[in-house]
Amino acid sequence: MTNAEETFEAVLAGLGVVLLSAGNAAIYQRPGVATVPVRGISPSRLALLWRDDDHREAVRDFIRAAERSVPLDETGSG
């Protein structure tokens, strides 16, 4: 899958399920797709990944914004 639309088309086609953050469930509502809260699991940690040779300004802006939002500790973890 290369984007959210392809992912939801695959779900609609019966090819799988998707885990979303609770905040994104409302954003990605689609006819024919149900969202159900998952309870009883611990909070998740996310990682930001990008190609090391990707120098597009939009990518670099996003990385800088993420770094400002969640300060990294000395191990590089948030």
PDB file of N, CA and C in Angstrom:
ATOM      1  N   MET A   1       0.838  -1.163   0.000  1.00  0.00           N
ATOM      2  CA  MET A   1       0.000   0.000   0.000  1.00  0.00           C
ATOM      3  C   MET A   1       0.891   1.237   0.000  1.00  0.00           C
ATOM      4  N   THR A   2       0.491   2.195  -0.799  1.00  0.00           N
ATOM      5  CA  THR A   2       1.290   3.421  -0.858  1.00  0.00           C
ATOM      6  C   THR A   2       0.595   4.618  -0.233  1.00  0.00           C
ATOM      7  N   ASN A   3      -0.705   4.471   0.102  1.00  0.00           N
ATOM      8  CA  ASN A   3      -1.404   5.591   0.720  1.00  0.00           C
ATOM      9  C   ASN A   3      -2.648   5.075   1.442  1.00  0.00           C
ATOM     10  N   ALA A   4      -3.307   5.969   2.164  1.00  0.00           N
ATOM     11  CA  ALA A   4      -4.476   5.580   2.953  1.00  0.00           C
ATOM     12  C   ALA A   4      -5.601   5.058   2.076  1.00  0.00           C
ATOM     13  N   GLU A   5      -5.813   5.682   0.925  1.00  0.00           N
ATOM     14  CA  GLU A   5      -6.903   5.243   0.055  1.00  0.00           C
ATOM     15  C   GLU A   5      -6.706   3.799  -0.397  1.00  0.00           C
ATOM     16  N   GLU A   6      -5.486   3.442  -0.795  1.00  0.00           N
ATOM     17  CA  GLU A   6      -5.218   2.060  -1.201  1.00  0.00           C
ATOM     18  C   GLU A   6      -5.424   1.103  -0.039  1.00  0.00           C
ATOM     19  N   THR A   7      -5.028   1.524   1.146  1.00  0.00           N
ATOM     20  CA  THR A   7      -5.201   0.693   2.324  1.00  0.00           C
ATOM     21  C   THR A   7      -6.671   0.415   2.575  1.00  0.00           C
ATOM     22  N   PHE A   8      -7.497   1.449   2.513  1.00  0.00           N
ATOM     23  CA  PHE A   8      -8.924   1.246   2.770  1.00  0.00           C
ATOM     24  C   PHE A   8      -9.603   0.488   1.641  1.00  0.00           C
ATOM     25  N   GLU A   9      -9.148   0.641   0.423  1.00  0.00           N
ATOM     26  CA  GLU A   9      -9.682  -0.169  -0.673  1.00  0.00           C
ATOM     27  C   GLU A   9      -9.381  -1.648  -0.424  1.00  0.00           C
ATOM     28  N   ALA A  10      -8.186  -1.945   0.092  1.00  0.00           N
ATOM     29  CA  ALA A  10      -7.845  -3.331   0.406  1.00  0.00           C
ATOM     30  C   ALA A  10      -8.727  -3.871   1.524  1.00  0.00           C
ATOM     31  N   VAL A  11      -8.997  -3.051   2.531  1.00  0.00           N
ATOM     32  CA  VAL A  11      -9.890  -3.470   3.618  1.00  0.00           C
ATOM     33  C   VAL A  11     -11.285  -3.739   3.057  1.00  0.00           C
ATOM     34  N   LEU A  12     -11.782  -2.842   2.234  1.00  0.00           N
ATOM     35  CA  LEU A  12     -13.106  -3.025   1.634  1.00  0.00           C
ATOM     36  C   LEU A  12     -13.174  -4.277   0.770  1.00  0.00           C
ATOM     37  N   ALA A  13     -12.051  -4.645   0.171  1.00  0.00           N
ATOM     38  CA  ALA A  13     -11.997  -5.844  -0.668  1.00  0.00           C
ATOM     39  C   ALA A  13     -11.831  -7.112   0.165  1.00  0.00           C
ATOM     40  N   GLY A  14     -11.739  -6.957   1.491  1.00  0.00           N
ATOM     41  CA  GLY A  14     -11.604  -8.128   2.358  1.00  0.00           C
ATOM     42  C   GLY A  14     -10.199  -8.685   2.443  1.00  0.00           C
ATOM     43  N   LEU A  15      -9.202  -7.870   2.139  1.00  0.00           N
ATOM     44  CA  LEU A  15      -7.820  -8.342   2.122  1.00  0.00           C
ATOM     45  C   LEU A  15      -7.087  -8.167   3.445  1.00  0.00           C
ATOM     46  N   GLY A  16      -7.719  -7.577   4.445  1.00  0.00           N
ATOM     47  CA  GLY A  16      -7.033  -7.418   5.708  1.00  0.00           C
ATOM     48  C   GLY A  16      -7.731  -6.446   6.625  1.00  0.00           C
ATOM     49  N   VAL A  17      -7.055  -6.125   7.709  1.00  0.00           N
ATOM     50  CA  VAL A  17      -7.532  -5.168   8.698  1.00  0.00           C
ATOM     51  C   VAL A  17      -6.426  -4.141   8.914  1.00  0.00           C
ATOM     52  N   VAL A  18      -6.770  -3.025   9.543  1.00  0.00           N
ATOM     53  CA  VAL A  18      -5.809  -1.950   9.785  1.00  0.00           C
ATOM     54  C   VAL A  18      -5.953  -1.474  11.217  1.00  0.00           C
ATOM     55  N   LEU A  19      -4.838  -1.242  11.876  1.00  0.00           N
ATOM     56  CA  LEU A  19      -4.853  -0.591  13.179  1.00  0.00           C
ATOM     57  C   LEU A  19      -4.615   0.901  12.952  1.00  0.00           C
ATOM     58  N   LEU A  20      -5.481   1.716  13.534  1.00  0.00           N
ATOM     59  CA  LEU A  20      -5.360   3.174  13.452  1.00  0.00           C
ATOM     60  C   LEU A  20      -5.219   3.744  14.840  1.00  0.00           C
ATOM     61  N   SER A  21      -4.600   4.897  14.937  1.00  0.00           N
ATOM     62  CA  SER A  21      -4.658   5.597  16.212  1.00  0.00           C
ATOM     63  C   SER A  21      -6.095   6.067  16.412  1.00  0.00           C
ATOM     64  N   ALA A  22      -6.512   6.175  17.656  1.00  0.00           N
ATOM     65  CA  ALA A  22      -7.895   6.558  17.958  1.00  0.00           C
ATOM     66  C   ALA A  22      -8.241   7.897  17.318  1.00  0.00           C
ATOM     67  N   GLY A  23      -7.300   8.816  17.293  1.00  0.00           N
ATOM     68  CA  GLY A  23      -7.559  10.122  16.713  1.00  0.00           C
ATOM     69  C   GLY A  23      -7.795  10.083  15.214  1.00  0.00           C
ATOM     70  N   ASN A  24      -7.268   9.077  14.540  1.00  0.00           N
ATOM     71  CA  ASN A  24      -7.451   8.973  13.092  1.00  0.00           C
ATOM     72  C   ASN A  24      -8.707   8.215  12.695  1.00  0.00           C
ATOM     73  N   ALA A  25      -9.331   7.521  13.628  1.00  0.00           N
ATOM     74  CA  ALA A  25     -10.515   6.727  13.297  1.00  0.00           C
ATOM     75  C   ALA A  25     -11.620   7.594  12.702  1.00  0.00           C
ATOM     76  N   ALA A  26     -11.842   8.758  13.264  1.00  0.00           N
ATOM     77  CA  ALA A  26     -12.897   9.646  12.747  1.00  0.00           C
ATOM     78  C   ALA A  26     -12.521  10.217  11.386  1.00  0.00           C
ATOM     79  N   ILE A  27     -11.254  10.490  11.181  1.00  0.00           N
ATOM     80  CA  ILE A  27     -10.793  11.068   9.921  1.00  0.00           C
ATOM     81  C   ILE A  27     -10.978  10.092   8.764  1.00  0.00           C
ATOM     82  N   TYR A  28     -10.748   8.812   9.032  1.00  0.00           N
ATOM     83  CA  TYR A  28     -10.769   7.815   7.965  1.00  0.00           C
ATOM     84  C   TYR A  28     -12.061   7.017   7.900  1.00  0.00           C
ATOM     85  N   GLN A  29     -13.160   7.558   8.386  1.00  0.00           N
ATOM     86  CA  GLN A  29     -14.438   6.858   8.266  1.00  0.00           C
ATOM     87  C   GLN A  29     -14.792   6.705   6.795  1.00  0.00           C
ATOM     88  N   ARG A  30     -15.244   5.517   6.433  1.00  0.00           N
ATOM     89  CA  ARG A  30     -15.649   5.215   5.062  1.00  0.00           C
ATOM     90  C   ARG A  30     -16.908   4.368   5.095  1.00  0.00           C
ATOM     91  N   PRO A  31     -17.796   4.534   4.135  1.00  0.00           N
ATOM     92  CA  PRO A  31     -18.934   3.616   4.043  1.00  0.00           C
ATOM     93  C   PRO A  31     -18.422   2.189   3.860  1.00  0.00           C
ATOM     94  N   GLY A  32     -18.989   1.273   4.614  1.00  0.00           N
ATOM     95  CA  GLY A  32     -18.588  -0.126   4.505  1.00  0.00           C
ATOM     96  C   GLY A  32     -17.411  -0.518   5.371  1.00  0.00           C
ATOM     97  N   VAL A  33     -16.842   0.429   6.114  1.00  0.00           N
ATOM     98  CA  VAL A  33     -15.707   0.140   6.995  1.00  0.00           C
ATOM     99  C   VAL A  33     -16.114   0.457   8.425  1.00  0.00           C
ATOM    100  N   ALA A  34     -15.913  -0.498   9.310  1.00  0.00           N
ATOM    101  CA  ALA A  34     -16.230  -0.294  10.728  1.00  0.00           C
ATOM    102  C   ALA A  34     -14.947   0.011  11.485  1.00  0.00           C
ATOM    103  N   THR A  35     -15.049   0.922  12.449  1.00  0.00           N
ATOM    104  CA  THR A  35     -13.938   1.161  13.370  1.00  0.00           C
ATOM    105  C   THR A  35     -14.407   0.786  14.762  1.00  0.00           C
ATOM    106  N   VAL A  36     -13.582   0.022  15.450  1.00  0.00           N
ATOM    107  CA  VAL A  36     -13.902  -0.467  16.786  1.00  0.00           C
ATOM    108  C   VAL A  36     -12.709  -0.177  17.686  1.00  0.00           C
ATOM    109  N   PRO A  37     -12.919   0.484  18.824  1.00  0.00           N
ATOM    110  CA  PRO A  37     -11.789   0.732  19.726  1.00  0.00           C
ATOM    111  C   PRO A  37     -11.166  -0.578  20.199  1.00  0.00           C
ATOM    112  N   VAL A  38      -9.855  -0.604  20.248  1.00  0.00           N
ATOM    113  CA  VAL A  38      -9.119  -1.749  20.784  1.00  0.00           C
ATOM    114  C   VAL A  38      -8.767  -1.394  22.215  1.00  0.00           C
ATOM    115  N   ARG A  39      -9.206  -2.192  23.127  1.00  0.00           N
ATOM    116  CA  ARG A  39      -8.980  -1.902  24.554  1.00  0.00           C
ATOM    117  C   ARG A  39      -8.089  -2.978  25.170  1.00  0.00           C
ATOM    118  N   GLY A  40      -7.463  -2.617  26.259  1.00  0.00           N
ATOM    119  CA  GLY A  40      -6.681  -3.588  27.008  1.00  0.00           C
ATOM    120  C   GLY A  40      -5.258  -3.780  26.519  1.00  0.00           C
ATOM    121  N   ILE A  41      -4.789  -2.897  25.639  1.00  0.00           N
ATOM    122  CA  ILE A  41      -3.391  -2.974  25.228  1.00  0.00           C
ATOM    123  C   ILE A  41      -2.681  -1.712  25.707  1.00  0.00           C
ATOM    124  N   SER A  42      -1.403  -1.842  25.928  1.00  0.00           N
ATOM    125  CA  SER A  42      -0.653  -0.686  26.418  1.00  0.00           C
ATOM    126  C   SER A  42      -0.433   0.317  25.281  1.00  0.00           C
ATOM    127  N   PRO A  43      -0.184   1.577  25.637  1.00  0.00           N
ATOM    128  CA  PRO A  43       0.089   2.580  24.597  1.00  0.00           C
ATOM    129  C   PRO A  43       1.272   2.156  23.735  1.00  0.00           C
ATOM    130  N   SER A  44       1.242   2.582  22.503  1.00  0.00           N
ATOM    131  CA  SER A  44       2.283   2.201  21.549  1.00  0.00           C
ATOM    132  C   SER A  44       3.291   3.324  21.360  1.00  0.00           C
ATOM    133  N   ARG A  45       4.474   2.947  20.972  1.00  0.00           N
ATOM    134  CA  ARG A  45       5.489   3.903  20.575  1.00  0.00           C
ATOM    135  C   ARG A  45       5.554   3.893  19.062  1.00  0.00           C
ATOM    136  N   LEU A  46       5.732   5.032  18.488  1.00  0.00           N
ATOM    137  CA  LEU A  46       5.834   5.142  17.042  1.00  0.00           C
ATOM    138  C   LEU A  46       7.240   5.556  16.661  1.00  0.00           C
ATOM    139  N   ALA A  47       7.617   5.191  15.466  1.00  0.00           N
ATOM    140  CA  ALA A  47       8.912   5.598  14.934  1.00  0.00           C
ATOM    141  C   ALA A  47       8.690   6.333  13.626  1.00  0.00           C
ATOM    142  N   LEU A  48       9.479   7.325  13.378  1.00  0.00           N
ATOM    143  CA  LEU A  48       9.444   8.063  12.129  1.00  0.00           C
ATOM    144  C   LEU A  48      10.587   7.554  11.267  1.00  0.00           C
ATOM    145  N   LEU A  49      10.251   7.064  10.094  1.00  0.00           N
ATOM    146  CA  LEU A  49      11.264   6.527   9.184  1.00  0.00           C
ATOM    147  C   LEU A  49      11.216   7.269   7.868  1.00  0.00           C
ATOM    148  N   TRP A  50      12.376   7.419   7.246  1.00  0.00           N
ATOM    149  CA  TRP A  50      12.451   8.025   5.929  1.00  0.00           C
ATOM    150  C   TRP A  50      13.711   7.528   5.262  1.00  0.00           C
ATOM    151  N   ARG A  51      13.725   7.619   3.929  1.00  0.00           N
ATOM    152  CA  ARG A  51      14.924   7.216   3.192  1.00  0.00           C
ATOM    153  C   ARG A  51      16.030   8.217   3.489  1.00  0.00           C
ATOM    154  N   ASP A  52      17.220   7.718   3.754  1.00  0.00           N
ATOM    155  CA  ASP A  52      18.311   8.639   4.083  1.00  0.00           C
ATOM    156  C   ASP A  52      18.739   9.491   2.890  1.00  0.00           C
ATOM    157  N   ASP A  53      18.354   9.098   1.674  1.00  0.00           N
ATOM    158  CA  ASP A  53      18.691   9.913   0.504  1.00  0.00           C
ATOM    159  C   ASP A  53      17.528  10.798   0.050  1.00  0.00           C
ATOM    160  N   ASP A  54      16.479  10.901   0.882  1.00  0.00           N
ATOM    161  CA  ASP A  54      15.322  11.737   0.545  1.00  0.00           C
ATOM    162  C   ASP A  54      15.547  13.127   1.125  1.00  0.00           C
ATOM    163  N   HIS A  55      15.839  14.059   0.262  1.00  0.00           N
ATOM    164  CA  HIS A  55      16.169  15.418   0.705  1.00  0.00           C
ATOM    165  C   HIS A  55      15.085  16.429   0.353  1.00  0.00           C
ATOM    166  N   ARG A  56      13.864  15.930   0.067  1.00  0.00           N
ATOM    167  CA  ARG A  56      12.777  16.856  -0.237  1.00  0.00           C
ATOM    168  C   ARG A  56      12.506  17.752   0.973  1.00  0.00           C
ATOM    169  N   GLU A  57      12.245  19.014   0.691  1.00  0.00           N
ATOM    170  CA  GLU A  57      12.028  19.985   1.768  1.00  0.00           C
ATOM    171  C   GLU A  57      10.828  19.605   2.630  1.00  0.00           C
ATOM    172  N   ALA A  58       9.757  19.091   2.023  1.00  0.00           N
ATOM    173  CA  ALA A  58       8.567  18.708   2.796  1.00  0.00           C
ATOM    174  C   ALA A  58       8.894  17.592   3.790  1.00  0.00           C
ATOM    175  N   VAL A  59       9.726  16.658   3.378  1.00  0.00           N
ATOM    176  CA  VAL A  59      10.132  15.572   4.279  1.00  0.00           C
ATOM    177  C   VAL A  59      10.966  16.135   5.421  1.00  0.00           C
ATOM    178  N   ARG A  60      11.914  16.974   5.100  1.00  0.00           N
ATOM    179  CA  ARG A  60      12.780  17.571   6.134  1.00  0.00           C
ATOM    180  C   ARG A  60      11.966  18.443   7.088  1.00  0.00           C
ATOM    181  N   ASP A  61      10.984  19.177   6.572  1.00  0.00           N
ATOM    182  CA  ASP A  61      10.115  19.987   7.430  1.00  0.00           C
ATOM    183  C   ASP A  61       9.344  19.096   8.403  1.00  0.00           C
ATOM    184  N   PHE A  62       8.843  17.981   7.904  1.00  0.00           N
ATOM    185  CA  PHE A  62       8.084  17.062   8.753  1.00  0.00           C
ATOM    186  C   PHE A  62       8.982  16.484   9.845  1.00  0.00           C
ATOM    187  N   ILE A  63      10.195  16.106   9.494  1.00  0.00           N
ATOM    188  CA  ILE A  63      11.143  15.559  10.477  1.00  0.00           C
ATOM    189  C   ILE A  63      11.431  16.600  11.561  1.00  0.00           C
ATOM    190  N   ARG A  64      11.694  17.831  11.152  1.00  0.00           N
ATOM    191  CA  ARG A  64      11.970  18.894  12.131  1.00  0.00           C
ATOM    192  C   ARG A  64      10.767  19.128  13.045  1.00  0.00           C
ATOM    193  N   ALA A  65       9.558  19.116  12.476  1.00  0.00           N
ATOM    194  CA  ALA A  65       8.357  19.308  13.290  1.00  0.00           C
ATOM    195  C   ALA A  65       8.197  18.165  14.286  1.00  0.00           C
ATOM    196  N   ALA A  66       8.452  16.955  13.863  1.00  0.00           N
ATOM    197  CA  ALA A  66       8.354  15.802  14.765  1.00  0.00           C
ATOM    198  C   ALA A  66       9.388  15.903  15.877  1.00  0.00           C
ATOM    199  N   GLU A  67      10.594  16.305  15.546  1.00  0.00           N
ATOM    200  CA  GLU A  67      11.644  16.441  16.554  1.00  0.00           C
ATOM    201  C   GLU A  67      11.292  17.514  17.583  1.00  0.00           C
ATOM    202  N   ARG A  68      10.655  18.590  17.151  1.00  0.00           N
ATOM    203  CA  ARG A  68      10.246  19.636  18.088  1.00  0.00           C
ATOM    204  C   ARG A  68       9.082  19.167  18.967  1.00  0.00           C
ATOM    205  N   SER A  69       8.225  18.315  18.436  1.00  0.00           N
ATOM    206  CA  SER A  69       7.047  17.859  19.173  1.00  0.00           C
ATOM    207  C   SER A  69       7.395  16.848  20.259  1.00  0.00           C
ATOM    208  N   VAL A  70       8.347  15.977  19.973  1.00  0.00           N
ATOM    209  CA  VAL A  70       8.724  14.916  20.913  1.00  0.00           C
ATOM    210  C   VAL A  70      10.239  14.949  21.051  1.00  0.00           C
ATOM    211  N   PRO A  71      10.741  15.616  22.072  1.00  0.00           N
ATOM    212  CA  PRO A  71      12.185  15.688  22.251  1.00  0.00           C
ATOM    213  C   PRO A  71      12.796  14.289  22.383  1.00  0.00           C
ATOM    214  N   LEU A  72      13.923  14.070  21.744  1.00  0.00           N
ATOM    215  CA  LEU A  72      14.618  12.793  21.836  1.00  0.00           C
ATOM    216  C   LEU A  72      15.488  12.767  23.084  1.00  0.00           C
ATOM    217  N   ASP A  73      15.584  11.591  23.707  1.00  0.00           N
ATOM    218  CA  ASP A  73      16.511  11.461  24.828  1.00  0.00           C
ATOM    219  C   ASP A  73      17.881  11.081  24.277  1.00  0.00           C
ATOM    220  N   GLU A  74      18.829  10.811  25.162  1.00  0.00           N
ATOM    221  CA  GLU A  74      20.193  10.553  24.743  1.00  0.00           C
ATOM    222  C   GLU A  74      20.340   9.272  23.909  1.00  0.00           C
ATOM    223  N   THR A  75      19.359   8.369  23.947  1.00  0.00           N
ATOM    224  CA  THR A  75      19.428   7.153  23.131  1.00  0.00           C
ATOM    225  C   THR A  75      18.801   7.357  21.771  1.00  0.00           C
ATOM    226  N   GLY A  76      18.235   8.541  21.526  1.00  0.00           N
ATOM    227  CA  GLY A  76      17.562   8.793  20.257  1.00  0.00           C
ATOM    228  C   GLY A  76      16.089   8.444  20.315  1.00  0.00           C
ATOM    229  N   SER A  77      15.588   8.036  21.495  1.00  0.00           N
ATOM    230  CA  SER A  77      14.189   7.688  21.648  1.00  0.00           C
ATOM    231  C   SER A  77      13.417   8.859  22.202  1.00  0.00           C
ATOM    232  N   GLY A  78      12.116   8.886  21.879  1.00  0.00           N
ATOM    233  CA  GLY A  78      11.247   9.941  22.419  1.00  0.00           C
ATOM    234  C   GLY A  78      10.739   9.613  23.780  1.00  0.00           C
TER     235      GLY A  78
END
